[in-house]
Structure formats: C-alpha cells, structure tokens
Protein backbone atom coordinates (compact mmCIF):
# COMPACT_ATOMS: atom_id res chain seq x y z
CA MET A 1 -32.23 76.97 -0.23
CA PHE A 2 -31.46 76.63 3.46
CA LYS A 3 -34.08 79.22 4.31
CA ASP A 4 -36.62 77.02 2.54
CA ILE A 5 -35.47 73.97 4.53
CA LYS A 6 -36.19 75.93 7.72
CA LEU A 7 -33.07 74.88 9.64
CA ASN A 8 -33.84 77.39 12.38
CA GLU A 9 -37.21 75.73 12.83
CA GLN A 10 -35.46 72.37 13.04
CA ALA A 11 -33.15 73.83 15.69
CA GLU A 12 -36.13 74.79 17.84
CA GLN A 13 -37.68 71.36 17.35
CA LEU A 14 -34.47 69.60 18.37
CA GLY A 15 -33.98 71.95 21.30
CA ASP A 16 -37.49 71.18 22.54
CA ILE A 17 -36.90 67.43 22.18
CA PHE A 18 -33.68 67.53 24.20
CA GLU A 19 -35.40 69.60 26.88
CA MET A 20 -38.12 66.94 27.05
CA LEU A 21 -35.42 64.28 27.43
CA ALA A 22 -33.90 66.29 30.28
CA VAL A 23 -37.27 66.46 32.05
CA ILE A 24 -37.60 62.68 31.83
CA ALA A 25 -34.07 62.29 33.20
CA VAL A 26 -34.97 64.54 36.14
CA SER A 27 -38.04 62.43 36.95
CA MET A 28 -35.95 59.27 36.96
CA ARG A 29 -33.23 60.73 39.15
CA GLU A 30 -35.74 62.02 41.67
CA ALA A 31 -37.48 58.64 41.72
CA PHE A 32 -34.18 56.90 42.39
CA VAL A 33 -32.87 59.32 45.03
CA HIS A 34 -36.12 59.36 46.98
CA GLN A 35 -37.01 55.73 46.14
CA GLN A 36 -40.48 56.88 45.15
CA SER A 37 -41.98 55.00 42.22
CA ARG A 38 -44.67 57.68 41.86
CA PHE A 39 -42.06 59.84 40.13
CA LEU A 40 -41.90 57.16 37.43
CA GLU A 41 -45.65 57.04 36.86
CA ASN A 42 -45.65 59.74 34.20
CA ILE A 43 -42.50 58.62 32.41
CA ASP A 44 -44.30 56.20 30.08
CA ASN A 45 -46.63 59.02 29.04
CA GLN A 46 -43.72 61.44 28.70
CA CYS A 47 -41.84 58.97 26.49
CA MET A 48 -44.96 58.41 24.39
CA GLU A 49 -45.49 62.15 23.96
CA LEU A 50 -41.85 62.56 23.03
CA ASN A 51 -42.03 59.76 20.46
CA GLU A 52 -45.14 61.34 18.96
CA GLU A 53 -43.38 64.71 18.77
CA ILE A 54 -40.42 63.13 16.97
CA ALA A 55 -42.72 61.32 14.53
CA PHE A 56 -44.58 64.57 13.81
CA ASP A 57 -41.34 66.48 13.18
CA ALA A 58 -40.16 63.71 10.83
CA ALA A 59 -43.44 63.86 8.89
CA MET A 60 -43.12 67.64 8.57
CA ALA A 61 -39.57 67.23 7.27
CA ASP A 62 -40.78 64.72 4.67
CA GLU A 63 -43.24 67.26 3.32
CA GLN A 64 -40.38 69.64 2.57
CA THR A 65 -38.74 67.17 0.16
CA PHE A 66 -41.65 66.64 -2.23
CA GLY A 67 -40.57 67.48 -5.76
CA LYS A 68 -37.17 68.74 -4.64
CA SER A 69 -33.70 67.89 -5.94
CA LEU A 70 -31.35 65.46 -4.21
CA ASP A 71 -29.08 68.33 -3.13
CA TYR A 72 -32.06 69.89 -1.38
CA LYS A 73 -33.11 66.61 0.22
CA GLU A 74 -29.72 65.64 1.70
CA PRO A 75 -29.77 68.01 4.72
CA VAL A 76 -33.38 67.01 5.38
CA PHE A 77 -32.38 63.35 5.32
CA ARG A 78 -29.62 64.12 7.83
CA TYR A 79 -32.18 65.77 10.07
CA GLU A 80 -34.44 62.72 9.83
CA ASP A 81 -31.50 60.47 10.77
CA ILE A 82 -31.04 62.57 13.91
CA LEU A 83 -34.73 62.15 14.75
CA THR A 84 -34.41 58.38 14.33
CA HIS A 85 -31.59 58.28 16.86
CA LEU A 86 -33.58 60.46 19.22
CA GLN A 87 -36.26 57.78 19.14
CA MET A 88 -33.57 55.30 20.18
CA ILE A 89 -32.57 57.59 23.05
CA ASP A 90 -36.21 57.82 24.08
CA LYS A 91 -36.41 54.01 24.09
CA SER A 92 -33.19 53.75 26.14
CA LEU A 93 -34.59 56.14 28.76
CA LYS A 94 -37.76 54.08 29.03
CA GLU A 95 -35.70 50.90 29.52
CA LEU A 96 -33.68 52.65 32.24
CA ALA A 97 -36.93 53.66 33.95
CA ASP A 98 -38.09 50.04 33.79
CA ALA A 99 -34.90 48.93 35.55
CA LEU A 100 -35.44 51.50 38.31
CA ARG A 101 -39.06 50.42 38.61
CA THR A 102 -37.95 46.80 39.12
CA GLN A 103 -35.50 47.84 41.85
CA MET A 104 -38.23 49.71 43.72
CA ARG A 105 -40.89 47.07 43.23
CA TYR A 106 -38.77 44.39 44.85
CA GLY A 107 -37.23 46.67 47.47
CA ILE A 108 -33.67 45.89 46.39
CA LEU A 109 -31.30 47.87 48.60
CA PHE A 110 -28.15 49.63 47.45
CA SER A 111 -25.25 50.87 49.56
CA ASP A 112 -24.74 54.62 50.04
CA MET A 113 -21.80 54.49 47.64
CA GLU A 114 -23.86 52.73 44.96
CA ILE A 115 -26.68 55.26 45.34
CA GLN A 116 -24.22 58.14 45.00
CA GLN A 117 -22.68 56.61 41.88
CA ILE A 118 -25.99 55.98 40.11
CA ASN A 119 -27.28 59.41 41.12
CA MET A 120 -24.12 61.00 39.74
CA LEU A 121 -24.53 59.21 36.40
CA MET A 122 -28.13 60.34 36.03
CA GLU A 123 -27.34 63.91 37.07
CA ARG A 124 -24.61 64.10 34.46
CA GLN A 125 -27.02 62.69 31.91
CA GLU A 126 -29.52 65.44 32.66
CA ARG A 127 -26.81 68.08 32.18
CA ILE A 128 -25.82 66.55 28.85
CA PHE A 129 -29.37 66.77 27.51
CA ARG A 130 -29.68 70.42 28.54
CA ALA A 131 -26.28 71.25 27.05
CA ILE A 132 -27.23 69.68 23.71
CA ALA A 133 -30.53 71.60 23.71
CA GLU A 134 -28.57 74.84 24.01
CA ILE A 135 -26.04 73.77 21.39
CA VAL A 136 -28.57 72.98 18.66
CA ARG A 137 -30.24 76.34 19.24
CA ASN A 138 -27.07 78.45 19.05
CA GLY A 139 -25.04 76.31 16.62
CA ASP A 140 -21.94 76.02 18.83
CA ASN A 141 -19.98 73.16 17.26
CA LYS A 142 -17.02 73.63 19.62
CA ARG A 143 -19.23 73.03 22.64
CA LEU A 144 -20.55 69.94 20.86
CA LYS A 145 -17.08 68.40 21.04
CA GLU A 146 -16.93 69.09 24.77
CA VAL A 147 -20.27 67.35 25.30
CA ASN A 148 -19.07 64.43 23.22
CA ASN A 149 -16.11 64.08 25.60
CA GLU A 150 -18.51 64.26 28.55
CA CYS A 151 -20.52 61.39 27.05
CA ARG A 152 -17.40 59.28 26.65
CA GLU A 153 -16.36 60.04 30.23
CA LEU A 154 -19.83 58.96 31.35
CA ALA A 155 -19.42 55.68 29.46
CA ASP A 156 -16.03 55.16 31.10
CA SER A 157 -17.58 55.72 34.53
CA CYS A 158 -20.24 53.11 33.77
CA LEU A 159 -17.57 50.59 32.83
CA LYS A 160 -15.53 51.41 35.94
CA PHE A 161 -18.54 51.02 38.23
CA ALA A 162 -19.62 47.78 36.53
CA THR A 163 -16.16 46.27 37.00
CA SER A 164 -16.21 47.31 40.66
CA TYR A 165 -19.66 45.77 41.25
CA GLU A 166 -18.60 42.50 39.65
CA SER A 167 -15.46 42.33 41.80
CA ARG A 168 -17.38 43.14 44.96
CA LEU A 169 -19.94 40.46 44.15
CA VAL A 170 -17.16 37.86 43.85
CA GLU A 171 -15.70 39.06 47.15
CA GLY A 172 -19.10 38.88 48.85
CA LEU A 173 -19.26 42.64 49.38
CA CYS A 174 -22.26 43.13 47.08
CA THR A 175 -25.48 41.16 47.56
CA PRO A 176 -26.61 38.73 44.85
CA GLU A 177 -29.93 40.61 44.74
CA SER A 178 -28.48 44.08 44.15
CA ALA A 179 -25.64 43.26 41.73
CA PRO A 180 -27.80 42.19 38.74
CA ILE A 181 -30.05 45.25 38.90
CA LEU A 182 -27.04 47.54 39.38
CA LEU A 183 -25.41 46.06 36.30
CA THR A 184 -28.68 46.38 34.37
CA ILE A 185 -28.94 50.07 35.25
CA LEU A 186 -25.35 50.64 34.13
CA SER A 187 -25.99 48.72 30.91
CA ARG A 188 -29.01 50.91 30.17
CA VAL A 189 -26.97 54.08 30.75
CA GLN A 190 -24.20 52.77 28.48
CA THR A 191 -26.71 52.08 25.70
CA LEU A 192 -28.11 55.57 26.17
CA VAL A 193 -24.65 57.11 25.91
CA ARG A 194 -23.79 55.13 22.75
CA ASN A 195 -26.91 56.48 21.07
CA GLU A 196 -26.02 60.00 22.23
CA VAL A 197 -22.49 59.81 20.83
CA GLU A 198 -23.85 58.76 17.45
CA THR A 199 -26.47 61.53 17.59
CA LEU A 200 -23.75 64.07 18.39
CA ARG A 201 -21.81 62.93 15.33
CA MET A 202 -24.86 63.59 13.18
CA LEU A 203 -25.55 66.91 14.88
CA SER A 204 -22.04 68.08 14.04
CA ARG A 205 -22.79 67.90 10.30
CA TRP A 206 -26.31 69.29 10.78
CA ILE A 207 -24.86 72.32 12.58
CA TRP A 208 -22.47 72.77 9.66
CA ASP A 209 -25.45 72.83 7.30
CA ARG A 210 -27.20 75.40 9.46
CA VAL A 211 -24.29 77.72 10.27
CA ILE A 212 -22.09 77.43 7.16
CA GLY A 213 -24.88 76.69 4.70
CA CYS A 214 -23.19 74.02 2.60
CA THR A 215 -24.75 70.77 1.40
CA ASN A 216 -21.70 69.22 -0.28
CA GLU A 217 -20.95 65.82 1.17
CA ASN A 218 -17.34 66.66 2.01
CA PRO A 219 -16.81 70.43 1.94
CA PRO A 220 -13.39 71.71 3.09
CA GLY A 221 -13.19 71.79 6.87
CA HIS A 222 -16.52 70.05 7.45
CA PRO A 223 -17.03 67.58 10.31
CA SER A 224 -17.18 64.01 9.05
CA TYR A 225 -20.71 62.77 8.62
C-alpha cells in the first residue's frame, strides 16, 4: 500500500519545498544585512512559485485517493495537511519580507546590536529549513525532535528581544521609529516559528508512515498526530 502512495516521492517533494523556503530566507537575510531592497525583488515571485508547487503537489496527492479505502487515504490526508501548513509558512515569509521592505523604504535605522539580533534569527531560520529538508528525505525522527527544540529556542529569543526593545523604548534608548518595525519583524518570525512547530508535529507522524509503514491512528510507539 505504501509503495502505491509513493511516500518516497512525497519525501522528495517536501525536501524540495523546504529547500525553496531556505533560499527565500537567504534572500531576506542578505537584503537585511546589506540593506539592499533589490535582494527582496524576487521574493514575491519565489513565494508565488513555491505556492504553485505546493498546490500542484496537493493536486497530485488527491489523484492518488480516487476510489481508495479510508485506510489508504489517511496518510495522504496527513501529507495534504503538511502542505497546507507549508502554505502558511510561505505566507509568513512573505509578510516578513514586507516588514523588511518597509524598514528599507523609510530608511529606519537599527543599532548594531539590533542588526546582529535580527540577522541571527534569520540565519537560524535558514538552518532550520535546510535541516528539515534533510530530515524528510532520510526519515530521521530523532533529528526532528532536535529541530523542534531549535524552533522553540528561536521563539524564546524573539520574546526576549521583544521585551528588551519595549523596555528600551520606555527608557528612551530605542527610537520611536525603529521600535514598531523591530517588533513587527519579531512578530512575523514568531508566527513563522509557530507554523513550523505545528508542521514538525505533522511531519513526525508522516515519517512514521514512511519508515514504519503503519496507518493505524495510534499504533504502539507512534508519535502523537
């Protein structure tokens, strides 16, 4: 059954999607570090291409379920749920790019510390995408847990930085112009991470389907779905 569902093909599709997400993350980080909006020019097109790729993969998955039993359809439905959350990640990246574009358009200046913090967040985000791409291709569920912890640490860093910016604004150490856009960038990263954590939860069960080859809803030892 699982050979018919083509889980290895799904793995390649997911791996390609996460690599595309990493490329977008690289473009955004370079745009921010160098304060060059031209690096953002292709992001809308990249996000559109990515969304089209996800929609195509979902349509192909639908075709596999025609005339099949519910047991057959369940792992396909789980795969489609993952694709839906990848669309949400794609949207979150585009919103983050919009925030960076606003900062550059209005020439809002950040301190060296603020630049280092935002750059660090985006660099870690890029590494997370590439790690997930590798995970879905090799089926390493243990590594998935490590990446999940990395996502949560990234969310904690966002919260820590946001609290610091708010305190510095009250103390007059952060300009009224820079604080709102800094907080917007952090909010966009937090939304991105929330979508990633949920996607990782779904990937855990999908990897179980692929590696163990069991479609029961709660097989012994399975990761909760």
